[in-house]
Amino acid sequence: PEPLLYEWHGDLMEGPVAITIFKSEQRAEITVGGQYAGWTTVATGKEGYATPSRNYRVIEKIVDKYSSHYG
C-alpha cells in the first residue's frame, strides 16, 4: 500500500485557518477555527538549503512539486 500523505476532517469547519509546520517531521498540522482539521506532509528544503523558521503564506498547492531552482 502507498504511504498516507494526509488526513483531513475540516470540510464542514469554519473560521480562520492556521498551519503549523514541524520541519523535523516534514509535516504540517491544520486547524480551522481553533479546531484540529488534519495534517499533511510537506517539503521544507533539503540538506544544505534549510528553510528558516518564520511565518509564511501558502502560495501554491501542487501535487508532486519539484523545484525549478534547486532541482
N, C-alpha and C. Protein backbone atom coordinates (compact mmCIF):
# COMPACT_ATOMS: atom_id res chain seq x y z
N PRO A 1 0.83 -1.21 0.00
CA PRO A 1 0.00 0.00 0.00
C PRO A 1 0.87 1.26 0.00
N GLU A 2 0.34 2.33 -0.57
CA GLU A 2 1.05 3.61 -0.61
C GLU A 2 0.99 4.27 0.77
N PRO A 3 2.02 5.05 1.11
CA PRO A 3 2.02 5.72 2.41
C PRO A 3 0.93 6.78 2.49
N LEU A 4 0.41 6.99 3.68
CA LEU A 4 -0.60 8.01 3.91
C LEU A 4 0.08 9.37 3.89
N LEU A 5 -0.37 10.27 3.02
CA LEU A 5 0.26 11.57 2.85
C LEU A 5 -0.49 12.70 3.55
N TYR A 6 -1.74 12.46 3.92
CA TYR A 6 -2.53 13.48 4.61
C TYR A 6 -3.75 12.85 5.26
N GLU A 7 -4.35 13.62 6.15
CA GLU A 7 -5.62 13.24 6.79
C GLU A 7 -6.41 14.52 6.95
N TRP A 8 -7.67 14.54 6.54
CA TRP A 8 -8.45 15.77 6.55
C TRP A 8 -9.83 15.54 7.14
N HIS A 9 -10.21 16.42 8.08
CA HIS A 9 -11.53 16.35 8.72
C HIS A 9 -12.20 17.72 8.75
N GLY A 10 -11.70 18.67 7.96
CA GLY A 10 -12.14 20.05 8.09
C GLY A 10 -13.17 20.54 7.10
N ASP A 11 -13.78 19.66 6.31
CA ASP A 11 -14.71 20.13 5.28
C ASP A 11 -15.85 20.99 5.80
N LEU A 12 -16.39 20.69 6.95
CA LEU A 12 -17.53 21.42 7.48
C LEU A 12 -17.14 22.48 8.52
N MET A 13 -15.86 22.64 8.75
CA MET A 13 -15.39 23.60 9.76
C MET A 13 -15.35 25.01 9.18
N GLU A 14 -15.53 26.00 10.07
CA GLU A 14 -15.48 27.40 9.66
C GLU A 14 -14.57 28.16 10.59
N GLY A 15 -13.98 29.22 10.07
CA GLY A 15 -13.14 30.08 10.87
C GLY A 15 -11.76 30.23 10.28
N PRO A 16 -10.92 30.98 10.97
CA PRO A 16 -9.56 31.20 10.47
C PRO A 16 -8.77 29.90 10.39
N VAL A 17 -7.99 29.79 9.34
CA VAL A 17 -7.14 28.60 9.13
C VAL A 17 -5.74 28.92 9.62
N ALA A 18 -5.16 28.00 10.38
CA ALA A 18 -3.76 28.12 10.84
C ALA A 18 -3.05 26.82 10.53
N ILE A 19 -1.81 26.95 10.08
CA ILE A 19 -1.00 25.78 9.73
C ILE A 19 0.30 25.87 10.52
N THR A 20 0.62 24.81 11.23
CA THR A 20 1.89 24.72 11.97
C THR A 20 2.73 23.66 11.31
N ILE A 21 3.95 24.03 10.93
CA ILE A 21 4.84 23.11 10.24
C ILE A 21 5.90 22.59 11.21
N PHE A 22 6.06 21.28 11.22
CA PHE A 22 7.07 20.62 12.02
C PHE A 22 8.16 20.15 11.05
N LYS A 23 9.22 20.96 10.92
CA LYS A 23 10.25 20.68 9.92
C LYS A 23 10.93 19.34 10.14
N SER A 24 11.20 18.98 11.39
CA SER A 24 11.91 17.73 11.64
C SER A 24 11.09 16.52 11.22
N GLU A 25 9.78 16.66 11.17
CA GLU A 25 8.89 15.57 10.76
C GLU A 25 8.39 15.72 9.33
N GLN A 26 8.69 16.88 8.69
CA GLN A 26 8.18 17.18 7.35
C GLN A 26 6.66 17.01 7.31
N ARG A 27 6.02 17.66 8.29
CA ARG A 27 4.58 17.51 8.47
C ARG A 27 3.97 18.85 8.86
N ALA A 28 2.76 19.11 8.38
CA ALA A 28 2.02 20.31 8.74
C ALA A 28 0.70 19.89 9.38
N GLU A 29 0.33 20.57 10.46
CA GLU A 29 -0.96 20.33 11.10
C GLU A 29 -1.83 21.57 10.89
N ILE A 30 -3.09 21.34 10.55
CA ILE A 30 -4.00 22.41 10.19
C ILE A 30 -5.12 22.50 11.21
N THR A 31 -5.42 23.73 11.63
CA THR A 31 -6.59 23.98 12.47
C THR A 31 -7.50 24.95 11.73
N VAL A 32 -8.79 24.81 11.95
CA VAL A 32 -9.79 25.71 11.39
C VAL A 32 -10.66 26.18 12.54
N GLY A 33 -10.71 27.48 12.74
CA GLY A 33 -11.48 28.00 13.86
C GLY A 33 -10.99 27.49 15.20
N GLY A 34 -9.70 27.20 15.28
CA GLY A 34 -9.11 26.72 16.53
C GLY A 34 -9.27 25.23 16.77
N GLN A 35 -9.91 24.52 15.84
CA GLN A 35 -10.11 23.08 15.99
C GLN A 35 -9.21 22.31 15.03
N TYR A 36 -8.69 21.18 15.48
CA TYR A 36 -7.84 20.35 14.64
C TYR A 36 -8.63 19.88 13.42
N ALA A 37 -8.06 20.10 12.22
CA ALA A 37 -8.74 19.71 10.99
C ALA A 37 -8.00 18.62 10.23
N GLY A 38 -6.68 18.49 10.45
CA GLY A 38 -5.95 17.45 9.75
C GLY A 38 -4.47 17.75 9.66
N TRP A 39 -3.79 16.93 8.87
CA TRP A 39 -2.36 17.09 8.68
C TRP A 39 -2.00 16.71 7.24
N THR A 40 -0.81 17.11 6.82
CA THR A 40 -0.30 16.74 5.51
C THR A 40 1.22 16.71 5.56
N THR A 41 1.82 15.98 4.64
CA THR A 41 3.26 16.00 4.52
C THR A 41 3.67 17.28 3.79
N VAL A 42 4.87 17.75 4.07
CA VAL A 42 5.40 18.95 3.42
C VAL A 42 6.87 18.72 3.05
N ALA A 43 7.37 19.54 2.16
CA ALA A 43 8.79 19.54 1.82
C ALA A 43 9.32 20.93 2.16
N THR A 44 10.26 21.01 3.09
CA THR A 44 10.73 22.31 3.56
C THR A 44 12.15 22.64 3.15
N GLY A 45 12.75 21.86 2.31
CA GLY A 45 14.11 22.13 1.86
C GLY A 45 15.03 20.98 2.18
N LYS A 46 15.96 20.74 1.28
CA LYS A 46 16.87 19.62 1.50
C LYS A 46 18.10 20.08 2.26
N GLU A 47 18.89 19.13 2.69
CA GLU A 47 20.07 19.41 3.49
C GLU A 47 20.95 20.43 2.77
N GLY A 48 21.40 21.41 3.52
CA GLY A 48 22.22 22.47 2.95
C GLY A 48 21.41 23.66 2.47
N TYR A 49 20.08 23.51 2.38
CA TYR A 49 19.17 24.57 1.95
C TYR A 49 18.02 24.68 2.93
N ALA A 50 18.35 24.77 4.21
CA ALA A 50 17.33 24.75 5.27
C ALA A 50 16.33 25.89 5.11
N THR A 51 15.08 25.60 5.43
CA THR A 51 14.03 26.60 5.42
C THR A 51 14.03 27.32 6.76
N PRO A 52 14.20 28.64 6.77
CA PRO A 52 14.20 29.37 8.05
C PRO A 52 12.84 29.29 8.75
N SER A 53 12.87 29.27 10.07
CA SER A 53 11.62 29.28 10.85
C SER A 53 11.07 30.70 10.87
N ARG A 54 9.83 30.87 10.45
CA ARG A 54 9.11 32.14 10.49
C ARG A 54 7.70 31.91 9.97
N ASN A 55 6.92 32.96 9.83
CA ASN A 55 5.57 32.86 9.28
C ASN A 55 5.64 32.93 7.76
N TYR A 56 4.89 32.05 7.10
CA TYR A 56 4.83 32.00 5.65
C TYR A 56 3.37 31.99 5.20
N ARG A 57 3.14 32.32 3.94
CA ARG A 57 1.83 32.20 3.32
C ARG A 57 1.88 31.07 2.30
N VAL A 58 0.78 30.34 2.14
CA VAL A 58 0.69 29.31 1.11
C VAL A 58 0.54 30.04 -0.22
N ILE A 59 1.43 29.79 -1.16
CA ILE A 59 1.35 30.46 -2.45
C ILE A 59 0.95 29.52 -3.58
N GLU A 60 1.08 28.23 -3.38
CA GLU A 60 0.63 27.26 -4.36
C GLU A 60 0.48 25.90 -3.71
N LYS A 61 -0.40 25.09 -4.27
CA LYS A 61 -0.60 23.73 -3.80
C LYS A 61 -0.56 22.83 -5.04
N ILE A 62 0.55 22.11 -5.20
CA ILE A 62 0.75 21.29 -6.39
C ILE A 62 1.20 19.89 -5.96
N VAL A 63 0.51 18.88 -6.48
CA VAL A 63 0.90 17.51 -6.21
C VAL A 63 2.21 17.24 -6.94
N ASP A 64 3.16 16.59 -6.27
CA ASP A 64 4.45 16.22 -6.85
C ASP A 64 5.23 17.43 -7.36
N LYS A 65 5.27 18.48 -6.56
CA LYS A 65 6.00 19.70 -6.91
C LYS A 65 7.51 19.45 -6.90
N TYR A 66 8.20 19.95 -7.90
CA TYR A 66 9.65 19.90 -7.98
C TYR A 66 10.17 21.32 -8.14
N SER A 67 11.21 21.64 -7.44
CA SER A 67 11.79 22.97 -7.50
C SER A 67 12.48 23.20 -8.84
N SER A 68 12.15 24.29 -9.51
CA SER A 68 12.84 24.64 -10.74
C SER A 68 14.19 25.30 -10.42
N HIS A 69 14.34 25.75 -9.19
CA HIS A 69 15.58 26.40 -8.77
C HIS A 69 16.59 25.39 -8.22
N TYR A 70 16.14 24.48 -7.37
CA TYR A 70 17.03 23.54 -6.72
C TYR A 70 17.05 22.16 -7.36
N GLY A 71 16.16 21.92 -8.30
CA GLY A 71 16.13 20.61 -8.97
C GLY A 71 15.33 19.68 -8.22
